[in-house]
Amino acid sequence: MRHRPEFLRTASARRQGAGGFLVQARFRADGKPGVQVGFTASKKIGNAVFRNRAKRRLREVARAVLPQLGQPGWDYVLVARPGVTVDRPFAQLLTDLETALRAIHSVRA
């Protein structure tokens, strides 16, 4: 995802907190089977170096986990958290995303 309206539509749907970041997700319902992913790191994260590092880490986590647990037709936005996304061990970030995606896609009562 690259355009602000796409991010805003996703932000108004489901949210699931994870230890190292926040996951926002929505079902597009447009018939396209692909998964779209976006990444956000605000200035609360720090200067440009820290924001870029946080987004790089989130991209790698998404690249590792979404092919297995992401569902077709869904948009996901991973939002970096200050002081956590950059410093958290990578293995824990992977586990965080797996847990968040399972919670988002679980059947709700």
C-alpha atoms as a PDB file:
ATOM      1  CA  MET A   1       0.000   0.000   0.000  1.00  0.00           C
ATOM      2  CA  ARG A   2       1.237   3.447  -0.838  1.00  0.00           C
ATOM      3  CA  HIS A   3      -1.716   5.833  -0.730  1.00  0.00           C
ATOM      4  CA  ARG A   4      -3.167   7.499   2.354  1.00  0.00           C
ATOM      5  CA  PRO A   5      -6.812   6.520   1.684  1.00  0.00           C
ATOM      6  CA  GLU A   6      -5.827   2.835   1.707  1.00  0.00           C
ATOM      7  CA  PHE A   7      -4.115   3.271   5.082  1.00  0.00           C
ATOM      8  CA  LEU A   8      -7.124   5.140   6.488  1.00  0.00           C
ATOM      9  CA  ARG A   9      -9.580   2.441   5.367  1.00  0.00           C
ATOM     10  CA  THR A  10      -7.426  -0.200   7.014  1.00  0.00           C
ATOM     11  CA  ALA A  11      -7.054   1.855  10.202  1.00  0.00           C
ATOM     12  CA  SER A  12     -10.831   1.940  10.621  1.00  0.00           C
ATOM     13  CA  ALA A  13     -11.139  -1.872  10.634  1.00  0.00           C
ATOM     14  CA  ARG A  14      -9.733  -4.543  12.973  1.00  0.00           C
ATOM     15  CA  ARG A  15      -6.781  -3.821  15.241  1.00  0.00           C
ATOM     16  CA  GLN A  16      -4.666  -6.248  17.163  1.00  0.00           C
ATOM     17  CA  GLY A  17      -1.878  -5.251  19.503  1.00  0.00           C
ATOM     18  CA  ALA A  18       1.334  -7.213  19.456  1.00  0.00           C
ATOM     19  CA  GLY A  19       4.351  -6.862  21.700  1.00  0.00           C
ATOM     20  CA  GLY A  20       6.483  -5.024  19.187  1.00  0.00           C
ATOM     21  CA  PHE A  21       3.900  -3.301  16.978  1.00  0.00           C
ATOM     22  CA  LEU A  22       0.217  -2.848  16.172  1.00  0.00           C
ATOM     23  CA  VAL A  23      -1.490  -4.738  13.347  1.00  0.00           C
ATOM     24  CA  GLN A  24      -4.441  -3.212  11.527  1.00  0.00           C
ATOM     25  CA  ALA A  25      -6.344  -5.436   9.097  1.00  0.00           C
ATOM     26  CA  ARG A  26      -9.404  -5.327   6.881  1.00  0.00           C
ATOM     27  CA  PHE A  27     -11.049  -7.504   4.270  1.00  0.00           C
ATOM     28  CA  ARG A  28     -11.134  -5.582   0.969  1.00  0.00           C
ATOM     29  CA  ALA A  29     -14.060  -7.449  -0.626  1.00  0.00           C
ATOM     30  CA  ASP A  30     -13.001  -6.301  -4.102  1.00  0.00           C
ATOM     31  CA  GLY A  31     -12.438  -9.755  -5.561  1.00  0.00           C
ATOM     32  CA  LYS A  32      -8.656  -9.386  -5.874  1.00  0.00           C
ATOM     33  CA  PRO A  33      -6.914 -12.341  -4.254  1.00  0.00           C
ATOM     34  CA  GLY A  34      -3.633 -10.639  -3.301  1.00  0.00           C
ATOM     35  CA  VAL A  35      -2.524  -9.454   0.107  1.00  0.00           C
ATOM     36  CA  GLN A  36      -1.589  -5.784   0.494  1.00  0.00           C
ATOM     37  CA  VAL A  37       0.768  -4.618   3.235  1.00  0.00           C
ATOM     38  CA  GLY A  38       1.684  -1.190   4.529  1.00  0.00           C
ATOM     39  CA  PHE A  39       4.110   0.001   7.185  1.00  0.00           C
ATOM     40  CA  THR A  40       3.940   3.068   9.406  1.00  0.00           C
ATOM     41  CA  ALA A  41       6.527   4.572  11.735  1.00  0.00           C
ATOM     42  CA  SER A  42       5.691   8.012  13.116  1.00  0.00           C
ATOM     43  CA  LYS A  43       8.130  10.556  14.484  1.00  0.00           C
ATOM     44  CA  LYS A  44       7.440   9.157  17.945  1.00  0.00           C
ATOM     45  CA  ILE A  45       9.771   6.311  16.965  1.00  0.00           C
ATOM     46  CA  GLY A  46      12.704   8.689  16.674  1.00  0.00           C
ATOM     47  CA  ASN A  47      14.742  10.283  13.942  1.00  0.00           C
ATOM     48  CA  ALA A  48      14.835   9.050  10.334  1.00  0.00           C
ATOM     49  CA  VAL A  49      17.433   6.404  11.140  1.00  0.00           C
ATOM     50  CA  PHE A  50      15.220   4.758  13.766  1.00  0.00           C
ATOM     51  CA  ARG A  51      12.051   5.078  11.668  1.00  0.00           C
ATOM     52  CA  ASN A  52      13.745   3.445   8.678  1.00  0.00           C
ATOM     53  CA  ARG A  53      15.195   0.694  10.873  1.00  0.00           C
ATOM     54  CA  ALA A  54      11.751   0.002  12.352  1.00  0.00           C
ATOM     55  CA  LYS A  55      10.150  -0.192   8.894  1.00  0.00           C
ATOM     56  CA  ARG A  56      12.915  -2.480   7.579  1.00  0.00           C
ATOM     57  CA  ARG A  57      12.384  -4.830  10.498  1.00  0.00           C
ATOM     58  CA  LEU A  58       8.612  -4.819   9.978  1.00  0.00           C
ATOM     59  CA  ARG A  59       9.072  -5.521   6.254  1.00  0.00           C
ATOM     60  CA  GLU A  60      11.205  -8.569   7.013  1.00  0.00           C
ATOM     61  CA  VAL A  61       8.729  -9.848   9.588  1.00  0.00           C
ATOM     62  CA  ALA A  62       5.884  -9.460   7.083  1.00  0.00           C
ATOM     63  CA  ARG A  63       7.922 -11.135   4.358  1.00  0.00           C
ATOM     64  CA  ALA A  64       8.527 -14.128   6.626  1.00  0.00           C
ATOM     65  CA  VAL A  65       5.047 -14.568   8.113  1.00  0.00           C
ATOM     66  CA  LEU A  66       2.384 -13.247   5.725  1.00  0.00           C
ATOM     67  CA  PRO A  67       2.861 -15.873   2.971  1.00  0.00           C
ATOM     68  CA  GLN A  68       1.800 -18.551   5.470  1.00  0.00           C
ATOM     69  CA  LEU A  69      -0.762 -16.749   7.667  1.00  0.00           C
ATOM     70  CA  GLY A  70      -2.005 -13.829   5.564  1.00  0.00           C
ATOM     71  CA  GLN A  71      -5.355 -14.424   3.910  1.00  0.00           C
ATOM     72  CA  PRO A  72      -6.149 -13.483   0.303  1.00  0.00           C
ATOM     73  CA  GLY A  73      -8.148 -10.302  -0.132  1.00  0.00           C
ATOM     74  CA  TRP A  74      -6.932  -8.711   3.098  1.00  0.00           C
ATOM     75  CA  ASP A  75      -4.995  -5.478   3.728  1.00  0.00           C
ATOM     76  CA  TYR A  76      -2.565  -5.299   6.634  1.00  0.00           C
ATOM     77  CA  VAL A  77      -0.803  -2.293   8.145  1.00  0.00           C
ATOM     78  CA  LEU A  78       1.988  -2.799  10.661  1.00  0.00           C
ATOM     79  CA  VAL A  79       2.476   0.214  12.922  1.00  0.00           C
ATOM     80  CA  ALA A  80       5.797   0.554  14.750  1.00  0.00           C
ATOM     81  CA  ARG A  81       5.797   1.238  18.490  1.00  0.00           C
ATOM     82  CA  PRO A  82       8.257   3.663  20.091  1.00  0.00           C
ATOM     83  CA  GLY A  83      11.167   2.043  21.885  1.00  0.00           C
ATOM     84  CA  VAL A  84      10.005  -1.500  21.164  1.00  0.00           C
ATOM     85  CA  THR A  85      10.035  -2.248  17.431  1.00  0.00           C
ATOM     86  CA  VAL A  86      13.697  -1.332  16.992  1.00  0.00           C
ATOM     87  CA  ASP A  87      14.969  -3.018  20.176  1.00  0.00           C
ATOM     88  CA  ARG A  88      12.843  -6.185  20.369  1.00  0.00           C
ATOM     89  CA  PRO A  89      14.581  -9.414  19.281  1.00  0.00           C
ATOM     90  CA  PHE A  90      13.624 -10.449  15.750  1.00  0.00           C
ATOM     91  CA  ALA A  91      12.360 -13.883  16.819  1.00  0.00           C
ATOM     92  CA  GLN A  92       9.877 -12.222  19.166  1.00  0.00           C
ATOM     93  CA  LEU A  93       8.677  -9.916  16.386  1.00  0.00           C
ATOM     94  CA  LEU A  94       7.967 -12.988  14.257  1.00  0.00           C
ATOM     95  CA  THR A  95       6.011 -14.584  17.090  1.00  0.00           C
ATOM     96  CA  ASP A  96       4.133 -11.315  17.686  1.00  0.00           C
ATOM     97  CA  LEU A  97       2.914 -11.163  14.088  1.00  0.00           C
ATOM     98  CA  GLU A  98       1.934 -14.839  14.036  1.00  0.00           C
ATOM     99  CA  THR A  99      -0.087 -14.399  17.233  1.00  0.00           C
ATOM    100  CA  ALA A 100      -1.727 -11.189  16.007  1.00  0.00           C
ATOM    101  CA  LEU A 101      -2.748 -12.702  12.661  1.00  0.00           C
ATOM    102  CA  ARG A 102      -4.237 -15.752  14.333  1.00  0.00           C
ATOM    103  CA  ALA A 103      -6.252 -13.481  16.633  1.00  0.00           C
ATOM    104  CA  ILE A 104      -7.447 -11.320  13.736  1.00  0.00           C
ATOM    105  CA  HIS A 105      -8.579 -14.292  11.660  1.00  0.00           C
ATOM    106  CA  SER A 106     -10.059 -16.342  14.474  1.00  0.00           C
ATOM    107  CA  VAL A 107     -13.818 -16.802  14.551  1.00  0.00           C
ATOM    108  CA  ARG A 108     -15.298 -14.238  16.910  1.00  0.00           C
ATOM    109  CA  ALA A 109     -18.324 -14.994  19.027  1.00  0.00           C
END
